[in-house]
Amino acid sequence: MNAIDTRSVKRDSLFLTAELTLADGGQSTRVKVRNLSDGGMMAEADLYVERGMRLAVDLRNVGRVTGSVAWTQDNRFGIVFDNEIDSKKVREAPAPAGDSTPRYTRPSSIAPPSAQQASPRSIRKI
């Protein structure tokens, strides 16, 4: 068995995006998050990275997390976080902005019980 076969850390397979910034500066790059655990993640992007490179990734509901590249293969690479995170928070729906209550609308195909339906005879053809 190799090191990959012996990993016992639970990780979630998922598909979402995150912003990644290399430690040497530069612009952030959008990456696809393929799987995630409390200690790291697998990302996919058309980005050149090498094992050991320092970086930071902005994860939804968690914020900026620093770490380093653990492995690379084609356009996928593993990131080990400096500090563990609560990976379940990333899967949750984004927190609403501000203190306002979200406004929901009803599809027009669902009329409230108080709405009166027009009879077909009362509809005038034009």
N, C-alpha and C. Protein backbone atom coordinates (compact mmCIF):
# COMPACT_ATOMS: atom_id res chain seq x y z
N MET A 1 0.83 -1.19 0.00
CA MET A 1 0.00 0.00 0.00
C MET A 1 0.87 1.25 0.00
N ASN A 2 0.47 2.23 -0.79
CA ASN A 2 1.21 3.48 -0.77
C ASN A 2 0.51 4.48 0.15
N ALA A 3 1.06 5.68 0.25
CA ALA A 3 0.53 6.68 1.18
C ALA A 3 -0.90 7.07 0.84
N ILE A 4 -1.25 7.05 -0.44
CA ILE A 4 -2.61 7.44 -0.83
C ILE A 4 -3.61 6.41 -0.34
N ASP A 5 -3.26 5.12 -0.38
CA ASP A 5 -4.16 4.07 0.06
C ASP A 5 -4.37 4.07 1.57
N THR A 6 -3.42 4.61 2.32
CA THR A 6 -3.51 4.56 3.77
C THR A 6 -4.11 5.81 4.39
N ARG A 7 -4.50 6.77 3.58
CA ARG A 7 -5.09 7.99 4.15
C ARG A 7 -6.42 7.63 4.80
N SER A 8 -6.61 8.10 6.01
CA SER A 8 -7.84 7.79 6.72
C SER A 8 -8.67 9.02 7.03
N VAL A 9 -8.24 10.17 6.52
CA VAL A 9 -8.96 11.41 6.78
C VAL A 9 -10.23 11.44 5.92
N LYS A 10 -11.36 11.71 6.56
CA LYS A 10 -12.62 11.79 5.83
C LYS A 10 -12.63 13.07 5.00
N ARG A 11 -12.97 12.93 3.71
CA ARG A 11 -13.08 14.11 2.86
C ARG A 11 -14.36 14.01 2.05
N ASP A 12 -14.91 15.17 1.73
CA ASP A 12 -16.14 15.25 0.97
C ASP A 12 -15.82 15.54 -0.48
N SER A 13 -16.42 14.76 -1.37
CA SER A 13 -16.32 15.08 -2.79
C SER A 13 -17.39 16.12 -3.08
N LEU A 14 -17.02 17.17 -3.76
CA LEU A 14 -17.96 18.22 -4.07
C LEU A 14 -17.44 19.00 -5.26
N PHE A 15 -18.25 19.90 -5.73
CA PHE A 15 -17.82 20.77 -6.82
C PHE A 15 -18.27 22.18 -6.51
N LEU A 16 -17.31 23.01 -6.17
CA LEU A 16 -17.56 24.44 -6.02
C LEU A 16 -16.29 25.16 -6.38
N THR A 17 -16.35 26.46 -6.39
CA THR A 17 -15.17 27.23 -6.77
C THR A 17 -14.67 28.04 -5.58
N ALA A 18 -13.40 28.41 -5.66
CA ALA A 18 -12.76 29.22 -4.62
C ALA A 18 -11.72 30.10 -5.30
N GLU A 19 -11.34 31.15 -4.61
CA GLU A 19 -10.29 32.05 -5.11
C GLU A 19 -8.97 31.67 -4.45
N LEU A 20 -7.94 31.44 -5.27
CA LEU A 20 -6.63 31.04 -4.78
C LEU A 20 -5.61 32.11 -5.13
N THR A 21 -4.75 32.44 -4.19
CA THR A 21 -3.68 33.42 -4.41
C THR A 21 -2.36 32.79 -3.99
N LEU A 22 -1.37 32.84 -4.90
CA LEU A 22 -0.05 32.33 -4.58
C LEU A 22 0.64 33.30 -3.63
N ALA A 23 1.50 32.77 -2.76
CA ALA A 23 2.16 33.59 -1.74
C ALA A 23 3.08 34.64 -2.35
N ASP A 24 3.56 34.40 -3.57
CA ASP A 24 4.46 35.38 -4.19
C ASP A 24 3.70 36.59 -4.73
N GLY A 25 2.43 36.68 -4.43
CA GLY A 25 1.62 37.81 -4.87
C GLY A 25 0.91 37.51 -6.18
N GLY A 26 0.55 38.54 -6.87
CA GLY A 26 -0.16 38.34 -8.12
C GLY A 26 -1.66 38.32 -7.92
N GLN A 27 -2.33 38.10 -9.01
CA GLN A 27 -3.79 38.10 -8.99
C GLN A 27 -4.31 36.77 -8.48
N SER A 28 -5.53 36.81 -7.96
CA SER A 28 -6.16 35.58 -7.51
C SER A 28 -6.67 34.83 -8.73
N THR A 29 -6.76 33.52 -8.59
CA THR A 29 -7.22 32.63 -9.66
C THR A 29 -8.38 31.81 -9.15
N ARG A 30 -9.41 31.69 -9.96
CA ARG A 30 -10.55 30.85 -9.57
C ARG A 30 -10.18 29.40 -9.82
N VAL A 31 -10.36 28.55 -8.79
CA VAL A 31 -10.07 27.13 -8.90
C VAL A 31 -11.34 26.33 -8.59
N LYS A 32 -11.40 25.12 -9.11
CA LYS A 32 -12.49 24.20 -8.80
C LYS A 32 -12.05 23.36 -7.60
N VAL A 33 -12.89 23.29 -6.60
CA VAL A 33 -12.62 22.47 -5.42
C VAL A 33 -13.25 21.11 -5.68
N ARG A 34 -12.43 20.08 -5.83
CA ARG A 34 -12.92 18.74 -6.15
C ARG A 34 -13.23 17.92 -4.92
N ASN A 35 -12.40 18.02 -3.89
CA ASN A 35 -12.75 17.40 -2.61
C ASN A 35 -12.12 18.21 -1.49
N LEU A 36 -12.66 18.02 -0.31
CA LEU A 36 -12.30 18.87 0.81
C LEU A 36 -12.35 18.09 2.11
N SER A 37 -11.36 18.30 2.95
CA SER A 37 -11.37 17.74 4.30
C SER A 37 -10.98 18.86 5.26
N ASP A 38 -10.99 18.57 6.54
CA ASP A 38 -10.60 19.58 7.52
C ASP A 38 -9.14 19.98 7.36
N GLY A 39 -8.31 19.08 6.83
CA GLY A 39 -6.88 19.35 6.73
C GLY A 39 -6.37 19.75 5.37
N GLY A 40 -7.22 19.70 4.34
CA GLY A 40 -6.74 20.06 3.01
C GLY A 40 -7.81 19.90 1.94
N MET A 41 -7.38 20.07 0.69
CA MET A 41 -8.34 19.99 -0.41
C MET A 41 -7.62 19.62 -1.71
N MET A 42 -8.39 19.16 -2.68
CA MET A 42 -7.87 18.97 -4.02
C MET A 42 -8.50 20.05 -4.90
N ALA A 43 -7.65 20.75 -5.63
CA ALA A 43 -8.11 21.83 -6.51
C ALA A 43 -7.77 21.48 -7.96
N GLU A 44 -8.51 22.10 -8.86
CA GLU A 44 -8.26 21.93 -10.29
C GLU A 44 -8.25 23.30 -10.94
N ALA A 45 -7.19 23.58 -11.71
CA ALA A 45 -7.09 24.87 -12.40
C ALA A 45 -5.96 24.80 -13.42
N ASP A 46 -6.05 25.66 -14.42
CA ASP A 46 -4.96 25.81 -15.37
C ASP A 46 -3.97 26.79 -14.77
N LEU A 47 -3.19 26.30 -13.82
CA LEU A 47 -2.29 27.12 -13.04
C LEU A 47 -1.04 26.31 -12.76
N TYR A 48 0.13 26.90 -12.95
CA TYR A 48 1.36 26.19 -12.67
C TYR A 48 1.70 26.31 -11.19
N VAL A 49 1.76 25.17 -10.51
CA VAL A 49 2.15 25.13 -9.11
C VAL A 49 3.16 24.00 -8.93
N GLU A 50 4.00 24.12 -7.92
CA GLU A 50 4.97 23.09 -7.58
C GLU A 50 4.77 22.67 -6.14
N ARG A 51 5.18 21.46 -5.85
CA ARG A 51 5.09 20.96 -4.49
C ARG A 51 5.86 21.90 -3.55
N GLY A 52 5.22 22.26 -2.44
CA GLY A 52 5.85 23.13 -1.44
C GLY A 52 5.50 24.61 -1.59
N MET A 53 4.91 25.00 -2.72
CA MET A 53 4.55 26.42 -2.91
C MET A 53 3.54 26.85 -1.86
N ARG A 54 3.71 28.05 -1.33
CA ARG A 54 2.79 28.62 -0.35
C ARG A 54 1.66 29.33 -1.07
N LEU A 55 0.47 29.28 -0.49
CA LEU A 55 -0.68 29.91 -1.11
C LEU A 55 -1.76 30.17 -0.07
N ALA A 56 -2.79 30.85 -0.50
CA ALA A 56 -3.97 31.10 0.34
C ALA A 56 -5.19 30.87 -0.53
N VAL A 57 -6.22 30.32 0.06
CA VAL A 57 -7.47 30.07 -0.67
C VAL A 57 -8.63 30.62 0.14
N ASP A 58 -9.55 31.30 -0.54
CA ASP A 58 -10.74 31.84 0.11
C ASP A 58 -11.88 30.85 -0.07
N LEU A 59 -12.31 30.25 1.02
CA LEU A 59 -13.38 29.27 1.00
C LEU A 59 -14.67 29.87 1.53
N ARG A 60 -15.76 29.56 0.88
CA ARG A 60 -17.08 30.06 1.27
C ARG A 60 -17.38 29.71 2.73
N ASN A 61 -17.87 30.67 3.48
CA ASN A 61 -18.27 30.54 4.88
C ASN A 61 -17.12 30.27 5.84
N VAL A 62 -15.89 30.17 5.34
CA VAL A 62 -14.73 29.94 6.19
C VAL A 62 -13.78 31.12 6.11
N GLY A 63 -13.56 31.62 4.90
CA GLY A 63 -12.66 32.74 4.71
C GLY A 63 -11.32 32.30 4.16
N ARG A 64 -10.32 33.12 4.41
CA ARG A 64 -8.98 32.89 3.87
C ARG A 64 -8.25 31.82 4.68
N VAL A 65 -7.76 30.81 3.98
CA VAL A 65 -7.04 29.70 4.61
C VAL A 65 -5.68 29.59 3.93
N THR A 66 -4.61 29.56 4.72
CA THR A 66 -3.27 29.44 4.15
C THR A 66 -2.83 27.98 4.17
N GLY A 67 -1.92 27.66 3.26
CA GLY A 67 -1.41 26.29 3.18
C GLY A 67 -0.32 26.19 2.14
N SER A 68 -0.01 24.95 1.77
CA SER A 68 1.02 24.71 0.76
C SER A 68 0.61 23.55 -0.14
N VAL A 69 1.21 23.50 -1.32
CA VAL A 69 0.92 22.46 -2.29
C VAL A 69 1.59 21.17 -1.82
N ALA A 70 0.81 20.10 -1.70
CA ALA A 70 1.32 18.81 -1.24
C ALA A 70 1.69 17.90 -2.41
N TRP A 71 0.95 18.00 -3.52
CA TRP A 71 1.21 17.17 -4.70
C TRP A 71 0.60 17.83 -5.92
N THR A 72 1.07 17.43 -7.09
CA THR A 72 0.51 17.93 -8.35
C THR A 72 0.37 16.77 -9.32
N GLN A 73 -0.65 16.86 -10.16
CA GLN A 73 -0.86 15.88 -11.24
C GLN A 73 -1.71 16.55 -12.31
N ASP A 74 -1.08 16.81 -13.47
CA ASP A 74 -1.73 17.52 -14.56
C ASP A 74 -2.25 18.86 -14.06
N ASN A 75 -3.56 19.11 -14.18
CA ASN A 75 -4.10 20.40 -13.73
C ASN A 75 -4.77 20.29 -12.35
N ARG A 76 -4.51 19.21 -11.64
CA ARG A 76 -5.03 19.04 -10.28
C ARG A 76 -3.88 19.05 -9.29
N PHE A 77 -4.17 19.53 -8.10
CA PHE A 77 -3.14 19.58 -7.07
C PHE A 77 -3.77 19.53 -5.69
N GLY A 78 -3.01 19.00 -4.75
CA GLY A 78 -3.46 18.90 -3.37
C GLY A 78 -2.89 20.03 -2.54
N ILE A 79 -3.71 20.53 -1.63
CA ILE A 79 -3.29 21.61 -0.73
C ILE A 79 -3.46 21.12 0.70
N VAL A 80 -2.41 21.25 1.50
CA VAL A 80 -2.51 20.95 2.92
C VAL A 80 -2.61 22.28 3.66
N PHE A 81 -3.65 22.42 4.51
CA PHE A 81 -3.87 23.66 5.23
C PHE A 81 -2.91 23.77 6.42
N ASP A 82 -2.53 24.99 6.75
CA ASP A 82 -1.69 25.22 7.93
C ASP A 82 -2.45 24.89 9.21
N ASN A 83 -3.73 25.22 9.24
CA ASN A 83 -4.59 24.94 10.39
C ASN A 83 -5.86 24.28 9.89
N GLU A 84 -6.38 23.34 10.66
CA GLU A 84 -7.59 22.65 10.25
C GLU A 84 -8.77 23.61 10.23
N ILE A 85 -9.73 23.30 9.35
CA ILE A 85 -10.96 24.09 9.23
C ILE A 85 -12.15 23.19 9.51
N ASP A 86 -13.32 23.77 9.59
CA ASP A 86 -14.56 23.00 9.68
C ASP A 86 -15.09 22.88 8.25
N SER A 87 -14.77 21.78 7.59
CA SER A 87 -15.13 21.63 6.18
C SER A 87 -16.64 21.58 5.95
N LYS A 88 -17.41 21.25 6.97
CA LYS A 88 -18.87 21.22 6.82
C LYS A 88 -19.43 22.61 6.56
N LYS A 89 -18.77 23.64 7.08
CA LYS A 89 -19.24 25.01 6.87
C LYS A 89 -19.19 25.39 5.40
N VAL A 90 -18.21 24.87 4.67
CA VAL A 90 -18.06 25.22 3.26
C VAL A 90 -19.24 24.69 2.47
N ARG A 91 -19.78 23.54 2.87
CA ARG A 91 -20.92 22.94 2.17
C ARG A 91 -22.23 23.69 2.43
N GLU A 92 -22.31 24.44 3.51
CA GLU A 92 -23.55 25.16 3.85
C GLU A 92 -23.81 26.26 2.85
N ALA A 93 -25.06 26.67 2.77
CA ALA A 93 -25.43 27.79 1.90
C ALA A 93 -24.71 29.05 2.37
N PRO A 94 -24.37 29.93 1.45
CA PRO A 94 -23.69 31.16 1.84
C PRO A 94 -24.52 31.97 2.83
N ALA A 95 -23.85 32.57 3.77
CA ALA A 95 -24.53 33.42 4.76
C ALA A 95 -25.10 34.64 4.06
N PRO A 96 -26.32 35.07 4.43
CA PRO A 96 -26.90 36.25 3.78
C PRO A 96 -26.10 37.50 4.12
N ALA A 97 -26.03 38.40 3.18
CA ALA A 97 -25.31 39.66 3.40
C ALA A 97 -26.18 40.61 4.20
N GLY A 98 -25.64 41.18 5.23
CA GLY A 98 -26.38 42.16 6.04
C GLY A 98 -27.38 41.50 6.97
N ASP A 99 -28.20 42.35 7.59
CA ASP A 99 -29.19 41.86 8.55
C ASP A 99 -30.58 41.74 7.95
N SER A 100 -30.69 41.93 6.65
CA SER A 100 -32.01 41.91 6.05
C SER A 100 -32.51 40.47 5.87
N THR A 101 -33.80 40.33 5.98
CA THR A 101 -34.44 39.05 5.76
C THR A 101 -34.58 38.84 4.26
N PRO A 102 -34.26 37.64 3.74
CA PRO A 102 -34.38 37.44 2.30
C PRO A 102 -35.82 37.58 1.84
N ARG A 103 -36.00 38.12 0.67
CA ARG A 103 -37.33 38.32 0.13
C ARG A 103 -37.60 37.21 -0.88
N TYR A 104 -38.65 36.47 -0.65
CA TYR A 104 -39.00 35.36 -1.53
C TYR A 104 -40.22 35.75 -2.35
N THR A 105 -40.26 35.29 -3.54
CA THR A 105 -41.41 35.55 -4.39
C THR A 105 -42.05 34.24 -4.79
N ARG A 106 -43.31 34.30 -5.06
CA ARG A 106 -44.06 33.12 -5.44
C ARG A 106 -44.11 33.06 -6.96
N PRO A 107 -43.84 31.90 -7.56
CA PRO A 107 -43.96 31.79 -9.02
C PRO A 107 -45.37 32.15 -9.46
N SER A 108 -45.49 32.76 -10.60
CA SER A 108 -46.80 33.21 -11.07
C SER A 108 -47.74 32.04 -11.34
N SER A 109 -47.19 30.84 -11.48
CA SER A 109 -48.06 29.68 -11.74
C SER A 109 -48.76 29.18 -10.47
N ILE A 110 -48.36 29.69 -9.30
CA ILE A 110 -48.98 29.28 -8.05
C ILE A 110 -49.74 30.48 -7.49
N ALA A 111 -51.03 30.43 -7.57
CA ALA A 111 -51.85 31.54 -7.09
C ALA A 111 -52.24 31.29 -5.64
N PRO A 112 -52.32 32.34 -4.82
CA PRO A 112 -52.76 32.16 -3.44
C PRO A 112 -54.24 31.78 -3.43
N PRO A 113 -54.70 31.14 -2.35
CA PRO A 113 -56.11 30.72 -2.28
C PRO A 113 -57.09 31.88 -2.43
N SER A 114 -56.70 33.09 -2.05
CA SER A 114 -57.60 34.23 -2.14
C SER A 114 -57.76 34.76 -3.57
N ALA A 115 -56.89 34.35 -4.47
CA ALA A 115 -56.97 34.84 -5.85
C ALA A 115 -58.16 34.22 -6.56
N GLN A 116 -58.91 35.04 -7.28
CA GLN A 116 -60.06 34.53 -8.01
C GLN A 116 -59.62 34.13 -9.42
N GLN A 117 -60.05 32.99 -9.83
CA GLN A 117 -59.75 32.53 -11.17
C GLN A 117 -60.84 33.01 -12.11
N ALA A 118 -60.45 33.57 -13.22
CA ALA A 118 -61.42 34.03 -14.22
C ALA A 118 -61.95 32.82 -14.98
N SER A 119 -63.27 32.84 -15.20
CA SER A 119 -63.84 31.73 -15.96
C SER A 119 -63.49 31.91 -17.43
N PRO A 120 -63.32 30.80 -18.17
CA PRO A 120 -62.95 30.91 -19.58
C PRO A 120 -63.94 31.75 -20.39
N ARG A 121 -65.22 31.80 -19.98
CA ARG A 121 -66.21 32.58 -20.72
C ARG A 121 -66.01 34.07 -20.55
N SER A 122 -65.43 34.49 -19.43
CA SER A 122 -65.28 35.93 -19.20
C SER A 122 -64.01 36.50 -19.83
N ILE A 123 -63.18 35.64 -20.38
CA ILE A 123 -61.96 36.12 -21.03
C ILE A 123 -62.28 36.48 -22.46
N ARG A 124 -61.95 37.69 -22.83
CA ARG A 124 -62.26 38.19 -24.15
C ARG A 124 -61.10 37.92 -25.10
N LYS A 125 -61.38 37.40 -26.26
CA LYS A 125 -60.36 37.15 -27.26
C LYS A 125 -60.12 38.43 -28.04
N ILE A 126 -58.91 38.70 -28.33
CA ILE A 126 -58.57 39.92 -29.08
C ILE A 126 -58.15 39.54 -30.49
